[in-house]
Amino acid sequence: VLQVPVKSMKQSNVFNWRLTMDDKFLFVDPRTTAVLEYLPHELVGQSIYKFYHPSDLSKLTEAHQKVRSSDCKVMYRFRTKSGRWIWLHGSFQGFNNPFSGQL
């Protein structure tokens, strides 16, 4: 599971989401709606890659691979529900399940 505290670059909103290891939304903070316009249930189960700007895909793929061994930060564009691109600053952190020991 990846935990991702996210900050909007235009607003001072900070929110969190969790991703599965195959990059699907597992948990979406309700504060996300104020910035991205999606309700949490509209994102859960979706691949985060559907919402990344095509020009940012390579650096985000690299960040997702890197987080398996260490935390990383990256700025990227995310498509809002209305179709606008906004800049976000994400801190990708791996989370080890204390019961299974898996990431």
N, C-alpha and C. Protein backbone atom coordinates (compact mmCIF):
# COMPACT_ATOMS: atom_id res chain seq x y z
N VAL A 1 0.85 -1.18 0.00
CA VAL A 1 0.00 0.00 0.00
C VAL A 1 0.89 1.23 0.00
N LEU A 2 0.57 2.20 -0.84
CA LEU A 2 1.28 3.46 -0.87
C LEU A 2 0.42 4.52 -0.22
N GLN A 3 0.99 5.28 0.69
CA GLN A 3 0.31 6.40 1.30
C GLN A 3 0.83 7.66 0.63
N VAL A 4 -0.06 8.55 0.20
CA VAL A 4 0.37 9.72 -0.55
C VAL A 4 -0.26 10.98 0.02
N PRO A 5 0.47 11.69 0.91
CA PRO A 5 0.01 13.02 1.28
C PRO A 5 0.20 13.94 0.08
N VAL A 6 -0.82 14.69 -0.28
CA VAL A 6 -0.79 15.51 -1.49
C VAL A 6 -1.12 16.94 -1.13
N LYS A 7 -0.43 17.90 -1.78
CA LYS A 7 -0.71 19.31 -1.58
C LYS A 7 -0.97 19.95 -2.93
N SER A 8 -2.05 20.72 -3.00
CA SER A 8 -2.35 21.47 -4.21
C SER A 8 -1.40 22.66 -4.27
N MET A 9 -0.87 22.95 -5.44
CA MET A 9 0.09 24.04 -5.57
C MET A 9 -0.61 25.41 -5.60
N LYS A 10 -1.89 25.47 -5.94
CA LYS A 10 -2.61 26.73 -5.99
C LYS A 10 -3.36 27.02 -4.70
N GLN A 11 -3.70 26.00 -3.97
CA GLN A 11 -4.44 26.16 -2.73
C GLN A 11 -3.61 25.56 -1.61
N SER A 12 -3.97 25.89 -0.40
CA SER A 12 -3.20 25.36 0.73
C SER A 12 -3.77 24.04 1.24
N ASN A 13 -4.63 23.41 0.44
CA ASN A 13 -5.24 22.15 0.85
C ASN A 13 -4.22 21.02 0.86
N VAL A 14 -4.26 20.23 1.92
CA VAL A 14 -3.45 19.02 2.01
C VAL A 14 -4.42 17.88 2.24
N PHE A 15 -4.26 16.81 1.48
CA PHE A 15 -5.13 15.65 1.64
C PHE A 15 -4.32 14.40 1.42
N ASN A 16 -4.88 13.27 1.78
CA ASN A 16 -4.20 11.98 1.67
C ASN A 16 -5.01 11.01 0.84
N TRP A 17 -4.28 10.13 0.20
CA TRP A 17 -4.93 8.96 -0.38
C TRP A 17 -3.98 7.79 -0.26
N ARG A 18 -4.54 6.60 -0.37
CA ARG A 18 -3.75 5.38 -0.34
C ARG A 18 -4.00 4.63 -1.64
N LEU A 19 -2.92 4.07 -2.16
CA LEU A 19 -2.98 3.31 -3.41
C LEU A 19 -2.58 1.87 -3.16
N THR A 20 -3.16 0.96 -3.92
CA THR A 20 -2.71 -0.43 -3.89
C THR A 20 -1.37 -0.49 -4.62
N MET A 21 -0.68 -1.61 -4.53
CA MET A 21 0.59 -1.75 -5.22
C MET A 21 0.44 -1.78 -6.74
N ASP A 22 -0.79 -1.97 -7.24
CA ASP A 22 -1.00 -1.86 -8.69
C ASP A 22 -1.61 -0.50 -9.03
N ASP A 23 -1.38 0.49 -8.14
CA ASP A 23 -1.67 1.91 -8.37
C ASP A 23 -3.15 2.25 -8.53
N LYS A 24 -4.00 1.54 -7.80
CA LYS A 24 -5.42 1.87 -7.77
C LYS A 24 -5.74 2.54 -6.43
N PHE A 25 -6.67 3.48 -6.47
CA PHE A 25 -7.07 4.16 -5.24
C PHE A 25 -7.72 3.17 -4.29
N LEU A 26 -7.23 3.14 -3.07
CA LEU A 26 -7.77 2.28 -2.02
C LEU A 26 -8.56 3.12 -1.02
N PHE A 27 -8.03 4.29 -0.69
CA PHE A 27 -8.67 5.24 0.21
C PHE A 27 -8.46 6.63 -0.36
N VAL A 28 -9.51 7.47 -0.30
CA VAL A 28 -9.42 8.86 -0.76
C VAL A 28 -9.99 9.75 0.33
N ASP A 29 -9.16 10.66 0.80
CA ASP A 29 -9.53 11.64 1.82
C ASP A 29 -10.68 12.50 1.29
N PRO A 30 -11.75 12.72 2.07
CA PRO A 30 -12.86 13.57 1.62
C PRO A 30 -12.43 15.00 1.27
N ARG A 31 -11.31 15.48 1.82
CA ARG A 31 -10.83 16.83 1.50
C ARG A 31 -10.37 16.94 0.05
N THR A 32 -10.20 15.80 -0.61
CA THR A 32 -9.80 15.77 -2.02
C THR A 32 -10.83 16.49 -2.90
N THR A 33 -12.10 16.37 -2.54
CA THR A 33 -13.18 16.92 -3.37
C THR A 33 -13.04 18.42 -3.59
N ALA A 34 -12.59 19.16 -2.59
CA ALA A 34 -12.46 20.61 -2.71
C ALA A 34 -11.46 21.01 -3.79
N VAL A 35 -10.49 20.17 -4.07
CA VAL A 35 -9.45 20.49 -5.04
C VAL A 35 -9.68 19.78 -6.38
N LEU A 36 -9.99 18.50 -6.32
CA LEU A 36 -10.07 17.70 -7.55
C LEU A 36 -11.49 17.53 -8.08
N GLU A 37 -12.48 17.89 -7.28
CA GLU A 37 -13.90 17.86 -7.65
C GLU A 37 -14.52 16.46 -7.65
N TYR A 38 -13.72 15.42 -7.47
CA TYR A 38 -14.25 14.06 -7.42
C TYR A 38 -14.68 13.75 -5.99
N LEU A 39 -15.76 13.01 -5.84
CA LEU A 39 -16.11 12.44 -4.54
C LEU A 39 -15.22 11.22 -4.33
N PRO A 40 -14.90 10.89 -3.08
CA PRO A 40 -14.00 9.75 -2.84
C PRO A 40 -14.41 8.47 -3.55
N HIS A 41 -15.71 8.14 -3.53
CA HIS A 41 -16.14 6.87 -4.14
C HIS A 41 -15.96 6.87 -5.67
N GLU A 42 -15.81 8.04 -6.29
CA GLU A 42 -15.59 8.09 -7.73
C GLU A 42 -14.15 7.71 -8.10
N LEU A 43 -13.25 7.78 -7.14
CA LEU A 43 -11.85 7.45 -7.40
C LEU A 43 -11.46 6.04 -6.91
N VAL A 44 -12.07 5.59 -5.82
CA VAL A 44 -11.70 4.28 -5.25
C VAL A 44 -11.88 3.18 -6.30
N GLY A 45 -10.83 2.38 -6.46
CA GLY A 45 -10.83 1.29 -7.43
C GLY A 45 -10.30 1.68 -8.80
N GLN A 46 -10.18 2.98 -9.07
CA GLN A 46 -9.68 3.47 -10.36
C GLN A 46 -8.15 3.49 -10.35
N SER A 47 -7.53 3.31 -11.49
CA SER A 47 -6.09 3.46 -11.61
C SER A 47 -5.74 4.94 -11.59
N ILE A 48 -4.77 5.29 -10.76
CA ILE A 48 -4.36 6.70 -10.68
C ILE A 48 -3.78 7.18 -12.00
N TYR A 49 -3.28 6.27 -12.81
CA TYR A 49 -2.68 6.64 -14.09
C TYR A 49 -3.69 7.24 -15.06
N LYS A 50 -4.98 7.00 -14.86
CA LYS A 50 -6.02 7.61 -15.70
C LYS A 50 -6.07 9.13 -15.53
N PHE A 51 -5.53 9.62 -14.42
CA PHE A 51 -5.68 11.02 -14.06
C PHE A 51 -4.39 11.83 -14.19
N TYR A 52 -3.28 11.16 -14.47
CA TYR A 52 -1.99 11.83 -14.63
C TYR A 52 -1.88 12.46 -16.01
N HIS A 53 -1.21 13.59 -16.08
CA HIS A 53 -0.92 14.22 -17.37
C HIS A 53 0.07 13.32 -18.14
N PRO A 54 -0.15 13.10 -19.44
CA PRO A 54 0.74 12.22 -20.20
C PRO A 54 2.22 12.61 -20.12
N SER A 55 2.52 13.89 -20.04
CA SER A 55 3.92 14.32 -19.97
C SER A 55 4.59 13.98 -18.65
N ASP A 56 3.80 13.66 -17.63
CA ASP A 56 4.35 13.36 -16.30
C ASP A 56 4.44 11.85 -16.02
N LEU A 57 3.98 11.03 -16.95
CA LEU A 57 3.90 9.59 -16.70
C LEU A 57 5.24 8.95 -16.37
N SER A 58 6.30 9.32 -17.07
CA SER A 58 7.59 8.65 -16.83
C SER A 58 8.13 8.96 -15.44
N LYS A 59 8.03 10.22 -15.00
CA LYS A 59 8.56 10.52 -13.66
C LYS A 59 7.68 9.92 -12.56
N LEU A 60 6.39 9.76 -12.82
CA LEU A 60 5.52 9.15 -11.82
C LEU A 60 5.71 7.64 -11.76
N THR A 61 5.94 7.02 -12.90
CA THR A 61 6.24 5.59 -12.92
C THR A 61 7.53 5.34 -12.14
N GLU A 62 8.52 6.19 -12.34
CA GLU A 62 9.79 6.08 -11.61
C GLU A 62 9.56 6.25 -10.11
N ALA A 63 8.74 7.23 -9.73
CA ALA A 63 8.44 7.46 -8.30
C ALA A 63 7.74 6.25 -7.70
N HIS A 64 6.81 5.66 -8.42
CA HIS A 64 6.09 4.49 -7.91
C HIS A 64 7.02 3.30 -7.72
N GLN A 65 8.01 3.16 -8.59
CA GLN A 65 8.99 2.08 -8.44
C GLN A 65 9.94 2.37 -7.28
N LYS A 66 10.36 3.61 -7.17
CA LYS A 66 11.32 4.00 -6.13
C LYS A 66 10.74 3.84 -4.73
N VAL A 67 9.46 4.10 -4.57
CA VAL A 67 8.84 4.09 -3.24
C VAL A 67 8.86 2.69 -2.62
N ARG A 68 9.11 1.69 -3.40
CA ARG A 68 9.20 0.34 -2.86
C ARG A 68 10.41 0.19 -1.93
N SER A 69 11.41 1.08 -2.12
CA SER A 69 12.60 1.01 -1.27
C SER A 69 12.83 2.28 -0.44
N SER A 70 12.25 3.41 -0.84
CA SER A 70 12.40 4.64 -0.07
C SER A 70 11.29 5.63 -0.45
N ASP A 71 11.06 6.60 0.42
CA ASP A 71 10.04 7.62 0.16
C ASP A 71 10.55 8.56 -0.93
N CYS A 72 9.62 9.18 -1.65
CA CYS A 72 10.02 10.17 -2.65
C CYS A 72 8.93 11.21 -2.82
N LYS A 73 9.36 12.37 -3.32
CA LYS A 73 8.44 13.49 -3.56
C LYS A 73 8.49 13.84 -5.03
N VAL A 74 7.33 14.25 -5.56
CA VAL A 74 7.27 14.59 -6.98
C VAL A 74 6.13 15.59 -7.21
N MET A 75 6.36 16.53 -8.15
CA MET A 75 5.30 17.44 -8.60
C MET A 75 4.76 16.91 -9.91
N TYR A 76 3.44 16.96 -10.07
CA TYR A 76 2.82 16.42 -11.27
C TYR A 76 1.47 17.07 -11.50
N ARG A 77 0.94 16.87 -12.70
CA ARG A 77 -0.37 17.39 -13.05
C ARG A 77 -1.41 16.28 -12.94
N PHE A 78 -2.58 16.67 -12.46
CA PHE A 78 -3.68 15.74 -12.23
C PHE A 78 -4.93 16.34 -12.87
N ARG A 79 -5.70 15.51 -13.57
CA ARG A 79 -6.93 15.98 -14.23
C ARG A 79 -8.09 16.02 -13.24
N THR A 80 -8.70 17.19 -13.11
CA THR A 80 -9.87 17.34 -12.23
C THR A 80 -11.10 16.76 -12.93
N LYS A 81 -12.17 16.66 -12.18
CA LYS A 81 -13.41 16.13 -12.74
C LYS A 81 -13.92 16.98 -13.90
N SER A 82 -13.69 18.31 -13.83
CA SER A 82 -14.14 19.20 -14.91
C SER A 82 -13.17 19.23 -16.10
N GLY A 83 -12.07 18.44 -16.00
CA GLY A 83 -11.14 18.33 -17.12
C GLY A 83 -9.95 19.27 -17.08
N ARG A 84 -9.85 20.11 -16.05
CA ARG A 84 -8.70 21.00 -15.91
C ARG A 84 -7.50 20.23 -15.39
N TRP A 85 -6.30 20.70 -15.71
CA TRP A 85 -5.07 20.12 -15.15
C TRP A 85 -4.59 21.01 -14.03
N ILE A 86 -4.33 20.42 -12.87
CA ILE A 86 -3.80 21.19 -11.75
C ILE A 86 -2.50 20.54 -11.28
N TRP A 87 -1.61 21.37 -10.75
CA TRP A 87 -0.34 20.87 -10.22
C TRP A 87 -0.53 20.40 -8.80
N LEU A 88 0.01 19.22 -8.50
CA LEU A 88 0.01 18.66 -7.15
C LEU A 88 1.44 18.33 -6.75
N HIS A 89 1.68 18.32 -5.47
CA HIS A 89 2.97 17.90 -4.92
C HIS A 89 2.70 16.70 -4.03
N GLY A 90 3.19 15.55 -4.43
CA GLY A 90 2.92 14.32 -3.68
C GLY A 90 4.17 13.80 -2.99
N SER A 91 3.98 13.27 -1.80
CA SER A 91 5.03 12.60 -1.04
C SER A 91 4.66 11.12 -0.98
N PHE A 92 5.26 10.32 -1.84
CA PHE A 92 4.93 8.90 -1.92
C PHE A 92 5.68 8.15 -0.82
N GLN A 93 4.94 7.38 -0.03
CA GLN A 93 5.52 6.64 1.09
C GLN A 93 4.98 5.21 1.05
N GLY A 94 5.88 4.25 1.15
CA GLY A 94 5.44 2.87 1.25
C GLY A 94 4.92 2.60 2.65
N PHE A 95 3.98 1.70 2.77
CA PHE A 95 3.40 1.34 4.07
C PHE A 95 3.44 -0.17 4.20
N ASN A 96 4.17 -0.63 5.19
CA ASN A 96 4.24 -2.08 5.43
C ASN A 96 3.10 -2.51 6.35
N ASN A 97 2.37 -3.51 5.90
CA ASN A 97 1.32 -4.06 6.72
C ASN A 97 1.95 -4.77 7.92
N PRO A 98 1.61 -4.33 9.14
CA PRO A 98 2.24 -4.93 10.31
C PRO A 98 1.88 -6.41 10.53
N PHE A 99 0.79 -6.87 9.93
CA PHE A 99 0.37 -8.25 10.11
C PHE A 99 0.98 -9.18 9.07
N SER A 100 1.07 -8.72 7.84
CA SER A 100 1.60 -9.57 6.77
C SER A 100 3.06 -9.26 6.46
N GLY A 101 3.51 -8.05 6.82
CA GLY A 101 4.88 -7.63 6.49
C GLY A 101 5.04 -7.20 5.05
N GLN A 102 3.94 -7.18 4.29
CA GLN A 102 3.99 -6.80 2.88
C GLN A 102 3.82 -5.31 2.73
N LEU A 103 4.41 -4.78 1.67
CA LEU A 103 4.28 -3.36 1.34
C LEU A 103 2.89 -3.11 0.78
